[in-house]
Every structure is written in structure tokens, then in C-alpha cells.
Amino acid sequence: MIYKQNTDINTLNTFDVLVHNSMKKSLLIIGMILMGTPAMAGGIVSRHASSVQLTVDSARATANRIGHSMSISGSGVTTTDGTTAGVVGNSVLMTSDGFTGASSVVTASQATDGDAFSFNASYTQGDAIPTSAPTVGEVPNFGSITSYTAGTAGSLAGTIDSSHTIGLTAGGAGSTATGQFVTEITVID
């Protein structure tokens, strides 16, 4: 069999130009695709943390000092402390620890017989002013005291296993159990 070899220069040049142009277009398209994709140099970081907090309240007390107060009001009356008419202010005695009691008593008399009148007097003796700070564990003898008893642990317990499962067991009065699971996800670009 005899093969005829085509050596036509125009045919070879046309084929070469077609292949060369299509390769240029392909490389251009592939280059544009690669330029449009971001580099995946980052990543995702995740952090998981579990915790349990168990507390038992301690015994405590709060004390508030009550101040002294005195109030006198009225109309249609005259007042006296027993020696001076019109006096209402010296019915208590001031000492270094505060008011300690009445030194004289304020009395009121109807100013005009048969006229309407009103008279009201009240006195609250306040707490003595402490001369030093209270000793730890002691409560000052104040008029407003709130006392709390210590809590009991009882069967208070908390556990965390390797799969972050939290187990809490209630305790006695005045105890607290808190379990917490935190997941943090960070995307790095």
C-alpha cells in the first residue's frame, strides 16, 4: 500500500494556527478560574470546655443600726416640758452613746377650752453607736438584724465525662450546683 504524504504548506499552517489559538484561549480561561478562587490558607478552630461549680453558703448576718427619731405635732394646744411653756425640743437627753431616754416629758394642754385640737408625739430610741468594730463571728446589738444559717452540702456533687456530659446532684439547703458547656468556633481567613 502506498501512502500519499500531504505536504501542502497551507494545510499545515492552518492546523497549527487553529491548535495554537485554541490553546491560548484555554490557558486564558484556566488562568482566570484560578485567579478567582481564594487561597485556602485558613481553617476552622473549635474549642469545647465544660465546667461544674459547687457552692455551699456560709453562715452570715446583716445588721443595720437604727437611728433615733422623735416627732411631735399638734394644733390647738400649748406645750410645756414642765418648766418652760412652748418647749418641745428638750424632751430627750443626748449622751456619748446617743439618746438614752427622756430628761423631761412634753405635755400638751388645750389652748382654748371647747376648741378643736390635735396632738401627736412619738419617740424611737436608736441603737447605741459602737465604739469599735465587731469581732468576726459576732453581731452588733442593733435594732435590725437578719441572720442566715450555714448551708449543708448533703449529697451535692458534680461530674464531667470525656464526652462533656455533665451530671449534677442536688445538695442540702443553701447549696448550689452549676454545670456549663461552652463551644467556641473560630473561622480563620
N, C-alpha and C. Protein backbone atom coordinates (compact mmCIF):
# COMPACT_ATOMS: atom_id res chain seq x y z
N MET A 1 0.83 -1.15 0.00
CA MET A 1 0.00 0.00 0.00
C MET A 1 0.89 1.24 0.00
N ILE A 2 0.44 2.20 -0.68
CA ILE A 2 1.24 3.40 -0.84
C ILE A 2 0.48 4.53 -0.15
N TYR A 3 1.21 5.17 0.67
CA TYR A 3 0.63 6.33 1.37
C TYR A 3 1.10 7.59 0.71
N LYS A 4 0.15 8.44 0.57
CA LYS A 4 0.49 9.70 -0.03
C LYS A 4 0.67 10.70 1.10
N GLN A 5 1.73 11.35 1.07
CA GLN A 5 2.05 12.30 2.12
C GLN A 5 1.59 13.67 1.67
N ASN A 6 0.81 14.34 2.53
CA ASN A 6 0.30 15.66 2.19
C ASN A 6 1.28 16.68 2.75
N THR A 7 1.90 17.35 1.90
CA THR A 7 2.89 18.31 2.32
C THR A 7 2.45 19.72 1.97
N ASP A 8 1.19 19.86 1.85
CA ASP A 8 0.66 21.18 1.50
C ASP A 8 0.90 22.12 2.66
N ILE A 9 1.64 23.17 2.46
CA ILE A 9 2.05 24.11 3.50
C ILE A 9 0.85 24.85 4.03
N ASN A 10 -0.08 25.20 3.24
CA ASN A 10 -1.25 25.94 3.71
C ASN A 10 -2.06 25.12 4.70
N THR A 11 -2.20 23.83 4.45
CA THR A 11 -2.96 22.98 5.34
C THR A 11 -2.26 22.89 6.70
N LEU A 12 -0.95 22.72 6.70
CA LEU A 12 -0.21 22.62 7.96
C LEU A 12 -0.27 23.94 8.74
N ASN A 13 -0.15 25.04 8.10
CA ASN A 13 -0.20 26.33 8.78
C ASN A 13 -1.58 26.58 9.37
N THR A 14 -2.63 26.20 8.65
CA THR A 14 -3.99 26.40 9.15
C THR A 14 -4.21 25.55 10.40
N PHE A 15 -3.77 24.29 10.35
CA PHE A 15 -3.91 23.40 11.50
C PHE A 15 -3.12 23.94 12.69
N ASP A 16 -1.91 24.39 12.48
CA ASP A 16 -1.05 24.92 13.52
C ASP A 16 -1.66 26.17 14.16
N VAL A 17 -2.21 27.05 13.34
CA VAL A 17 -2.84 28.27 13.84
C VAL A 17 -4.06 27.93 14.68
N LEU A 18 -4.89 26.98 14.24
CA LEU A 18 -6.09 26.59 14.99
C LEU A 18 -5.73 26.02 16.36
N VAL A 19 -4.75 25.12 16.39
CA VAL A 19 -4.34 24.50 17.65
C VAL A 19 -3.73 25.56 18.57
N HIS A 20 -2.91 26.40 18.02
CA HIS A 20 -2.24 27.42 18.81
C HIS A 20 -3.25 28.41 19.41
N ASN A 21 -4.23 28.88 18.65
CA ASN A 21 -5.25 29.82 19.15
C ASN A 21 -6.14 29.18 20.21
N SER A 22 -6.55 27.93 20.00
CA SER A 22 -7.40 27.29 21.00
C SER A 22 -6.63 27.03 22.29
N MET A 23 -5.33 26.77 22.23
CA MET A 23 -4.52 26.59 23.43
C MET A 23 -4.41 27.91 24.20
N LYS A 24 -4.25 29.00 23.48
CA LYS A 24 -4.17 30.30 24.14
C LYS A 24 -5.47 30.60 24.89
N LYS A 25 -6.61 30.33 24.24
CA LYS A 25 -7.91 30.58 24.87
C LYS A 25 -8.10 29.68 26.09
N SER A 26 -7.69 28.44 25.99
CA SER A 26 -7.83 27.50 27.12
C SER A 26 -6.98 27.95 28.30
N LEU A 27 -5.75 28.34 28.02
CA LEU A 27 -4.88 28.79 29.10
C LEU A 27 -5.41 30.07 29.75
N LEU A 28 -5.97 30.95 28.93
CA LEU A 28 -6.55 32.18 29.46
C LEU A 28 -7.74 31.88 30.38
N ILE A 29 -8.61 30.99 29.98
CA ILE A 29 -9.79 30.62 30.79
C ILE A 29 -9.35 29.93 32.08
N ILE A 30 -8.40 29.00 31.99
CA ILE A 30 -7.92 28.30 33.19
C ILE A 30 -7.26 29.30 34.15
N GLY A 31 -6.50 30.24 33.62
CA GLY A 31 -5.86 31.26 34.46
C GLY A 31 -6.87 32.13 35.18
N MET A 32 -7.95 32.51 34.48
CA MET A 32 -8.99 33.33 35.11
C MET A 32 -9.71 32.56 36.22
N ILE A 33 -9.93 31.28 36.01
CA ILE A 33 -10.60 30.46 37.04
C ILE A 33 -9.72 30.37 38.28
N LEU A 34 -8.43 30.14 38.08
CA LEU A 34 -7.52 30.03 39.23
C LEU A 34 -7.37 31.34 39.98
N MET A 35 -7.43 32.46 39.29
CA MET A 35 -7.32 33.75 39.96
C MET A 35 -8.56 34.05 40.80
N GLY A 36 -9.70 33.54 40.43
CA GLY A 36 -10.95 33.83 41.14
C GLY A 36 -11.14 33.02 42.41
N THR A 37 -10.44 31.94 42.61
CA THR A 37 -10.63 31.12 43.82
C THR A 37 -9.68 31.60 44.90
N PRO A 38 -10.18 31.77 46.13
CA PRO A 38 -9.31 32.24 47.22
C PRO A 38 -8.37 31.13 47.66
N ALA A 39 -7.26 31.53 48.20
CA ALA A 39 -6.32 30.56 48.75
C ALA A 39 -6.88 30.06 50.07
N MET A 40 -6.92 28.81 50.28
CA MET A 40 -7.47 28.22 51.50
C MET A 40 -6.36 28.00 52.52
N ALA A 41 -5.76 29.11 52.92
CA ALA A 41 -4.66 29.02 53.88
C ALA A 41 -5.18 28.99 55.31
N GLY A 42 -6.44 29.45 55.52
CA GLY A 42 -7.00 29.50 56.87
C GLY A 42 -7.55 28.16 57.29
N GLY A 43 -8.58 28.22 58.12
CA GLY A 43 -9.22 27.00 58.58
C GLY A 43 -10.25 27.31 59.64
N ILE A 44 -10.69 26.28 60.30
CA ILE A 44 -11.67 26.41 61.37
C ILE A 44 -11.06 25.84 62.64
N VAL A 45 -11.17 26.60 63.71
CA VAL A 45 -10.67 26.15 65.01
C VAL A 45 -11.87 26.06 65.95
N SER A 46 -12.02 24.94 66.61
CA SER A 46 -13.11 24.81 67.58
C SER A 46 -12.53 24.46 68.94
N ARG A 47 -13.20 24.97 69.97
CA ARG A 47 -12.78 24.75 71.35
C ARG A 47 -14.01 24.37 72.15
N HIS A 48 -13.91 23.35 72.95
CA HIS A 48 -15.02 22.89 73.79
C HIS A 48 -14.53 22.88 75.24
N ALA A 49 -15.34 23.42 76.12
CA ALA A 49 -14.97 23.45 77.54
C ALA A 49 -16.19 23.14 78.39
N SER A 50 -16.01 22.33 79.39
CA SER A 50 -17.08 22.00 80.34
C SER A 50 -16.61 22.38 81.74
N SER A 51 -17.55 22.81 82.58
CA SER A 51 -17.19 23.13 83.96
C SER A 51 -18.36 22.86 84.89
N VAL A 52 -18.03 22.59 86.13
CA VAL A 52 -19.02 22.40 87.19
C VAL A 52 -18.58 23.25 88.36
N GLN A 53 -19.52 23.99 88.95
CA GLN A 53 -19.24 24.80 90.14
C GLN A 53 -20.20 24.38 91.24
N LEU A 54 -19.65 24.02 92.39
CA LEU A 54 -20.44 23.61 93.55
C LEU A 54 -20.16 24.58 94.69
N THR A 55 -21.22 25.14 95.29
CA THR A 55 -21.04 26.07 96.41
C THR A 55 -21.99 25.72 97.54
N VAL A 56 -21.53 25.99 98.75
CA VAL A 56 -22.36 25.85 99.95
C VAL A 56 -22.26 27.17 100.70
N ASP A 57 -23.42 27.80 100.98
CA ASP A 57 -23.44 29.10 101.65
C ASP A 57 -22.87 29.00 103.06
N SER A 58 -22.16 30.03 103.45
CA SER A 58 -21.66 30.10 104.83
C SER A 58 -22.70 30.82 105.69
N ALA A 59 -22.56 30.66 106.99
CA ALA A 59 -23.44 31.39 107.91
C ALA A 59 -23.07 32.87 107.84
N ARG A 60 -24.08 33.74 107.91
CA ARG A 60 -23.79 35.17 107.85
C ARG A 60 -24.94 35.92 108.50
N ALA A 61 -24.67 37.17 108.79
CA ALA A 61 -25.69 38.04 109.38
C ALA A 61 -25.49 39.44 108.86
N THR A 62 -26.57 40.17 108.71
CA THR A 62 -26.50 41.58 108.37
C THR A 62 -27.16 42.36 109.50
N ALA A 63 -26.52 43.45 109.88
CA ALA A 63 -27.04 44.27 110.97
C ALA A 63 -27.09 45.72 110.51
N ASN A 64 -28.22 46.36 110.71
CA ASN A 64 -28.40 47.77 110.37
C ASN A 64 -28.73 48.55 111.62
N ARG A 65 -27.96 49.60 111.85
CA ARG A 65 -28.17 50.45 113.02
C ARG A 65 -29.40 51.31 112.79
N ILE A 66 -30.29 51.34 113.77
CA ILE A 66 -31.49 52.18 113.71
C ILE A 66 -31.16 53.52 114.36
N GLY A 67 -31.46 54.58 113.66
CA GLY A 67 -31.22 55.92 114.21
C GLY A 67 -32.34 56.36 115.13
N HIS A 68 -32.07 57.41 115.87
CA HIS A 68 -33.05 57.96 116.80
C HIS A 68 -34.06 58.81 116.03
N SER A 69 -35.28 58.80 116.48
CA SER A 69 -36.27 59.69 115.86
C SER A 69 -37.27 60.16 116.91
N MET A 70 -37.69 61.40 116.72
CA MET A 70 -38.68 61.99 117.63
C MET A 70 -39.59 62.87 116.78
N SER A 71 -40.87 62.78 117.01
CA SER A 71 -41.81 63.58 116.25
C SER A 71 -42.91 64.07 117.18
N ILE A 72 -43.17 65.37 117.13
CA ILE A 72 -44.27 65.96 117.89
C ILE A 72 -45.01 66.90 116.94
N SER A 73 -46.30 66.75 116.92
CA SER A 73 -47.10 67.66 116.09
C SER A 73 -48.44 67.90 116.78
N GLY A 74 -49.04 69.00 116.46
CA GLY A 74 -50.35 69.29 117.05
C GLY A 74 -50.87 70.64 116.62
N SER A 75 -52.11 70.85 116.93
CA SER A 75 -52.73 72.16 116.67
C SER A 75 -53.79 72.40 117.74
N GLY A 76 -53.95 73.64 118.12
CA GLY A 76 -54.93 73.98 119.15
C GLY A 76 -54.48 73.60 120.54
N VAL A 77 -53.14 73.42 120.75
CA VAL A 77 -52.62 73.04 122.07
C VAL A 77 -51.44 73.94 122.41
N THR A 78 -51.15 74.01 123.71
CA THR A 78 -49.92 74.64 124.19
C THR A 78 -49.08 73.54 124.80
N THR A 79 -47.75 73.68 124.70
CA THR A 79 -46.87 72.63 125.20
C THR A 79 -45.98 73.17 126.29
N THR A 80 -45.47 72.24 127.11
CA THR A 80 -44.50 72.59 128.15
C THR A 80 -43.70 71.34 128.49
N ASP A 81 -42.48 71.55 128.93
CA ASP A 81 -41.66 70.44 129.41
C ASP A 81 -41.71 70.35 130.93
N GLY A 82 -42.60 71.11 131.50
CA GLY A 82 -42.76 71.12 132.95
C GLY A 82 -42.19 72.37 133.57
N THR A 83 -41.27 73.02 132.90
CA THR A 83 -40.70 74.26 133.44
C THR A 83 -40.85 75.43 132.48
N THR A 84 -40.85 75.14 131.15
CA THR A 84 -40.90 76.22 130.17
C THR A 84 -42.06 75.98 129.22
N ALA A 85 -42.91 76.99 129.03
CA ALA A 85 -44.04 76.87 128.10
C ALA A 85 -43.54 76.96 126.66
N GLY A 86 -44.22 76.22 125.75
CA GLY A 86 -43.90 76.26 124.33
C GLY A 86 -42.68 75.45 123.94
N VAL A 87 -42.13 74.64 124.82
CA VAL A 87 -40.92 73.86 124.54
C VAL A 87 -41.30 72.46 124.11
N VAL A 88 -40.69 71.99 123.01
CA VAL A 88 -40.89 70.60 122.60
C VAL A 88 -39.56 69.91 122.31
N GLY A 89 -38.47 70.65 122.24
CA GLY A 89 -37.20 70.10 121.75
C GLY A 89 -36.32 69.47 122.79
N ASN A 90 -36.48 69.71 124.08
CA ASN A 90 -35.52 69.14 125.03
C ASN A 90 -36.12 67.98 125.81
N SER A 91 -36.94 67.18 125.15
CA SER A 91 -37.57 66.08 125.87
C SER A 91 -36.69 64.85 125.94
N VAL A 92 -35.52 64.87 125.28
CA VAL A 92 -34.62 63.71 125.36
C VAL A 92 -33.23 64.21 125.72
N LEU A 93 -32.46 63.34 126.30
CA LEU A 93 -31.13 63.69 126.78
C LEU A 93 -30.08 63.09 125.84
N MET A 94 -29.15 63.91 125.34
CA MET A 94 -28.09 63.46 124.46
C MET A 94 -26.88 63.08 125.29
N THR A 95 -26.32 61.87 125.04
CA THR A 95 -25.08 61.46 125.70
C THR A 95 -24.14 60.92 124.63
N SER A 96 -22.97 60.45 125.02
CA SER A 96 -21.97 59.99 124.05
C SER A 96 -22.43 58.79 123.25
N ASP A 97 -23.35 57.99 123.79
CA ASP A 97 -23.82 56.83 123.03
C ASP A 97 -25.17 57.10 122.36
N GLY A 98 -25.54 58.35 122.23
CA GLY A 98 -26.80 58.67 121.56
C GLY A 98 -27.86 59.02 122.58
N PHE A 99 -29.10 59.04 122.13
CA PHE A 99 -30.22 59.32 123.03
C PHE A 99 -30.36 58.18 124.02
N THR A 100 -30.46 58.50 125.28
CA THR A 100 -30.61 57.45 126.29
C THR A 100 -31.96 57.48 126.97
N GLY A 101 -32.75 58.46 126.68
CA GLY A 101 -34.08 58.49 127.29
C GLY A 101 -34.51 59.91 127.56
N ALA A 102 -35.70 60.03 128.03
CA ALA A 102 -36.27 61.36 128.25
C ALA A 102 -35.71 61.98 129.52
N SER A 103 -35.36 63.27 129.43
CA SER A 103 -34.95 64.00 130.62
C SER A 103 -36.15 64.74 131.21
N SER A 104 -37.11 65.02 130.35
CA SER A 104 -38.37 65.61 130.81
C SER A 104 -39.43 65.19 129.82
N VAL A 105 -40.64 65.31 130.19
CA VAL A 105 -41.75 64.87 129.35
C VAL A 105 -42.49 66.09 128.84
N VAL A 106 -42.75 66.08 127.53
CA VAL A 106 -43.52 67.18 126.93
C VAL A 106 -44.99 66.87 127.13
N THR A 107 -45.70 67.84 127.66
CA THR A 107 -47.15 67.68 127.81
C THR A 107 -47.84 68.77 127.00
N ALA A 108 -49.05 68.50 126.62
CA ALA A 108 -49.82 69.47 125.83
C ALA A 108 -51.12 69.76 126.55
N SER A 109 -51.54 71.01 126.52
CA SER A 109 -52.81 71.41 127.11
C SER A 109 -53.64 72.08 126.03
N GLN A 110 -54.93 71.88 126.11
CA GLN A 110 -55.82 72.51 125.13
C GLN A 110 -55.70 74.02 125.29
N ALA A 111 -55.43 74.70 124.18
CA ALA A 111 -55.20 76.14 124.22
C ALA A 111 -56.46 76.89 124.64
N THR A 112 -57.60 76.56 124.06
CA THR A 112 -58.86 77.23 124.39
C THR A 112 -59.88 76.15 124.67
N ASP A 113 -60.46 76.20 125.89
CA ASP A 113 -61.46 75.20 126.25
C ASP A 113 -62.57 75.16 125.20
N GLY A 114 -62.93 73.94 124.77
CA GLY A 114 -64.03 73.75 123.84
C GLY A 114 -63.63 73.82 122.38
N ASP A 115 -62.42 74.30 122.05
CA ASP A 115 -61.97 74.35 120.65
C ASP A 115 -61.42 72.99 120.23
N ALA A 116 -61.39 72.78 118.92
CA ALA A 116 -60.82 71.54 118.39
C ALA A 116 -59.31 71.56 118.58
N PHE A 117 -58.71 70.38 118.82
CA PHE A 117 -57.27 70.30 118.97
C PHE A 117 -56.81 68.90 118.55
N SER A 118 -55.52 68.81 118.25
CA SER A 118 -54.89 67.51 118.00
C SER A 118 -53.47 67.57 118.53
N PHE A 119 -52.97 66.41 118.96
CA PHE A 119 -51.60 66.34 119.48
C PHE A 119 -51.09 64.92 119.25
N ASN A 120 -49.89 64.82 118.72
CA ASN A 120 -49.28 63.52 118.46
C ASN A 120 -47.81 63.60 118.82
N ALA A 121 -47.31 62.63 119.57
CA ALA A 121 -45.89 62.58 119.93
C ALA A 121 -45.41 61.14 119.79
N SER A 122 -44.24 60.99 119.20
CA SER A 122 -43.65 59.65 119.11
C SER A 122 -42.15 59.77 119.28
N TYR A 123 -41.57 58.72 119.84
CA TYR A 123 -40.14 58.70 120.08
C TYR A 123 -39.65 57.28 119.87
N THR A 124 -38.60 57.10 119.07
CA THR A 124 -37.95 55.80 118.90
C THR A 124 -36.51 55.96 119.35
N GLN A 125 -36.14 55.17 120.35
CA GLN A 125 -34.75 55.23 120.80
C GLN A 125 -33.90 54.40 119.86
N GLY A 126 -32.87 55.03 119.31
CA GLY A 126 -31.98 54.36 118.36
C GLY A 126 -30.95 53.50 119.04
N ASP A 127 -30.17 52.81 118.21
CA ASP A 127 -29.10 51.95 118.71
C ASP A 127 -27.92 52.79 119.16
N ALA A 128 -27.24 52.29 120.18
CA ALA A 128 -26.03 52.96 120.64
C ALA A 128 -24.97 52.91 119.54
N ILE A 129 -24.13 53.91 119.46
CA ILE A 129 -23.07 53.97 118.47
C ILE A 129 -21.92 53.09 118.96
N PRO A 130 -21.51 52.08 118.16
CA PRO A 130 -20.41 51.21 118.60
C PRO A 130 -19.11 52.00 118.74
N THR A 131 -18.31 51.62 119.72
CA THR A 131 -17.02 52.29 119.93
C THR A 131 -15.88 51.58 119.21
N SER A 132 -16.13 50.34 118.71
CA SER A 132 -15.11 49.61 117.96
C SER A 132 -15.80 48.69 116.96
N ALA A 133 -15.01 48.17 116.04
CA ALA A 133 -15.54 47.25 115.03
C ALA A 133 -15.93 45.93 115.71
N PRO A 134 -16.97 45.26 115.20
CA PRO A 134 -17.35 43.98 115.81
C PRO A 134 -16.30 42.91 115.56
N THR A 135 -16.21 41.96 116.46
CA THR A 135 -15.31 40.82 116.31
C THR A 135 -15.91 39.88 115.27
N VAL A 136 -15.04 39.25 114.47
CA VAL A 136 -15.51 38.31 113.44
C VAL A 136 -16.37 37.24 114.10
N GLY A 137 -17.53 37.00 113.53
CA GLY A 137 -18.45 36.00 114.07
C GLY A 137 -19.47 36.55 115.03
N GLU A 138 -19.24 37.77 115.54
CA GLU A 138 -20.20 38.38 116.46
C GLU A 138 -21.05 39.39 115.69
N VAL A 139 -22.27 39.57 116.14
CA VAL A 139 -23.19 40.51 115.50
C VAL A 139 -23.46 41.63 116.49
N PRO A 140 -23.32 42.90 116.05
CA PRO A 140 -23.62 44.00 116.96
C PRO A 140 -25.09 43.98 117.38
N ASN A 141 -25.37 44.51 118.55
CA ASN A 141 -26.73 44.53 119.06
C ASN A 141 -27.48 45.71 118.46
N PHE A 142 -27.85 45.59 117.19
CA PHE A 142 -28.59 46.63 116.51
C PHE A 142 -30.06 46.24 116.40
N GLY A 143 -30.88 47.23 116.08
CA GLY A 143 -32.33 47.01 116.04
C GLY A 143 -32.82 46.24 114.83
N SER A 144 -32.03 46.15 113.74
CA SER A 144 -32.44 45.42 112.55
C SER A 144 -31.35 44.42 112.19
N ILE A 145 -31.61 43.14 112.48
CA ILE A 145 -30.63 42.09 112.23
C ILE A 145 -31.30 40.97 111.44
N THR A 146 -30.61 40.52 110.39
CA THR A 146 -31.06 39.35 109.63
C THR A 146 -29.94 38.33 109.70
N SER A 147 -30.29 37.13 110.12
CA SER A 147 -29.30 36.08 110.29
C SER A 147 -29.60 34.92 109.35
N TYR A 148 -28.55 34.38 108.72
CA TYR A 148 -28.69 33.24 107.80
C TYR A 148 -27.89 32.07 108.36
N THR A 149 -28.49 30.91 108.35
CA THR A 149 -27.79 29.72 108.81
C THR A 149 -26.90 29.19 107.70
N ALA A 150 -25.89 28.43 108.05
CA ALA A 150 -24.97 27.86 107.06
C ALA A 150 -25.70 26.79 106.24
N GLY A 151 -25.32 26.69 104.97
CA GLY A 151 -25.88 25.65 104.11
C GLY A 151 -25.26 24.30 104.43
N THR A 152 -25.85 23.25 103.89
CA THR A 152 -25.32 21.90 104.08
C THR A 152 -25.05 21.29 102.71
N ALA A 153 -23.91 20.63 102.58
CA ALA A 153 -23.55 20.01 101.31
C ALA A 153 -24.47 18.84 100.99
N GLY A 154 -24.84 18.07 102.01
CA GLY A 154 -25.69 16.90 101.75
C GLY A 154 -25.04 16.00 100.71
N SER A 155 -25.77 15.67 99.64
CA SER A 155 -25.20 14.83 98.58
C SER A 155 -24.82 15.66 97.36
N LEU A 156 -24.46 16.92 97.56
CA LEU A 156 -24.06 17.82 96.48
C LEU A 156 -22.87 17.24 95.72
N ALA A 157 -23.02 17.10 94.39
CA ALA A 157 -21.94 16.53 93.58
C ALA A 157 -22.07 16.99 92.14
N GLY A 158 -20.96 16.94 91.42
CA GLY A 158 -20.96 17.27 90.01
C GLY A 158 -19.89 16.46 89.29
N THR A 159 -20.22 15.98 88.08
CA THR A 159 -19.26 15.19 87.29
C THR A 159 -19.26 15.67 85.84
N ILE A 160 -18.13 15.43 85.16
CA ILE A 160 -18.00 15.68 83.72
C ILE A 160 -17.23 14.49 83.16
N ASP A 161 -17.76 13.86 82.08
CA ASP A 161 -17.02 12.76 81.47
C ASP A 161 -16.35 13.22 80.18
N SER A 162 -15.66 12.31 79.50
CA SER A 162 -14.87 12.66 78.31
C SER A 162 -15.72 13.13 77.14
N SER A 163 -17.01 12.85 77.13
CA SER A 163 -17.88 13.34 76.05
C SER A 163 -18.60 14.62 76.47
N HIS A 164 -18.09 15.28 77.51
CA HIS A 164 -18.62 16.55 78.02
C HIS A 164 -20.03 16.42 78.62
N THR A 165 -20.43 15.24 79.02
CA THR A 165 -21.72 15.06 79.69
C THR A 165 -21.57 15.53 81.13
N ILE A 166 -22.47 16.41 81.55
CA ILE A 166 -22.41 16.99 82.89
C ILE A 166 -23.47 16.33 83.76
N GLY A 167 -23.07 15.88 84.93
CA GLY A 167 -24.00 15.31 85.90
C GLY A 167 -23.98 16.13 87.18
N LEU A 168 -25.17 16.54 87.65
CA LEU A 168 -25.28 17.34 88.88
C LEU A 168 -26.22 16.65 89.85
N THR A 169 -25.84 16.64 91.12
CA THR A 169 -26.69 16.07 92.17
C THR A 169 -26.97 17.17 93.17
N ALA A 170 -28.26 17.39 93.46
CA ALA A 170 -28.67 18.44 94.39
C ALA A 170 -28.14 18.17 95.79
N GLY A 171 -27.83 19.24 96.48
CA GLY A 171 -27.35 19.13 97.85
C GLY A 171 -28.44 19.55 98.83
N GLY A 172 -28.01 19.91 100.03
CA GLY A 172 -28.95 20.35 101.06
C GLY A 172 -29.29 21.82 100.90
N ALA A 173 -29.98 22.35 101.91
CA ALA A 173 -30.38 23.76 101.89
C ALA A 173 -29.14 24.65 101.84
N GLY A 174 -29.22 25.74 101.08
CA GLY A 174 -28.12 26.68 100.99
C GLY A 174 -26.97 26.21 100.11
N SER A 175 -27.23 25.25 99.20
CA SER A 175 -26.18 24.79 98.30
C SER A 175 -26.60 25.06 96.85
N THR A 176 -25.60 25.20 95.96
CA THR A 176 -25.85 25.48 94.56
C THR A 176 -24.92 24.63 93.70
N ALA A 177 -25.47 24.05 92.63
CA ALA A 177 -24.68 23.29 91.66
C ALA A 177 -24.94 23.89 90.28
N THR A 178 -23.86 24.26 89.57
CA THR A 178 -23.99 24.86 88.25
C THR A 178 -23.10 24.11 87.28
N GLY A 179 -23.67 23.64 86.16
CA GLY A 179 -22.91 22.98 85.11
C GLY A 179 -22.95 23.83 83.86
N GLN A 180 -21.82 23.88 83.12
CA GLN A 180 -21.76 24.73 81.94
C GLN A 180 -20.94 24.06 80.85
N PHE A 181 -21.43 24.12 79.60
CA PHE A 181 -20.71 23.62 78.43
C PHE A 181 -20.60 24.77 77.44
N VAL A 182 -19.37 25.06 76.97
CA VAL A 182 -19.14 26.18 76.06
C VAL A 182 -18.48 25.64 74.80
N THR A 183 -19.02 26.01 73.64
CA THR A 183 -18.42 25.69 72.35
C THR A 183 -18.05 26.99 71.67
N GLU A 184 -16.80 27.08 71.22
CA GLU A 184 -16.32 28.27 70.54
C GLU A 184 -15.78 27.85 69.18
N ILE A 185 -16.28 28.48 68.11
CA ILE A 185 -15.83 28.18 66.75
C ILE A 185 -15.23 29.44 66.16
N THR A 186 -13.98 29.34 65.64
CA THR A 186 -13.30 30.46 65.04
C THR A 186 -12.96 30.11 63.59
N VAL A 187 -13.35 30.96 62.66
CA VAL A 187 -13.02 30.78 61.25
C VAL A 187 -11.86 31.72 60.93
N ILE A 188 -10.76 31.15 60.46
CA ILE A 188 -9.56 31.91 60.15
C ILE A 188 -9.50 32.08 58.64
N ASP A 189 -9.35 33.32 58.16
CA ASP A 189 -9.24 33.53 56.72
C ASP A 189 -7.90 34.07 56.34
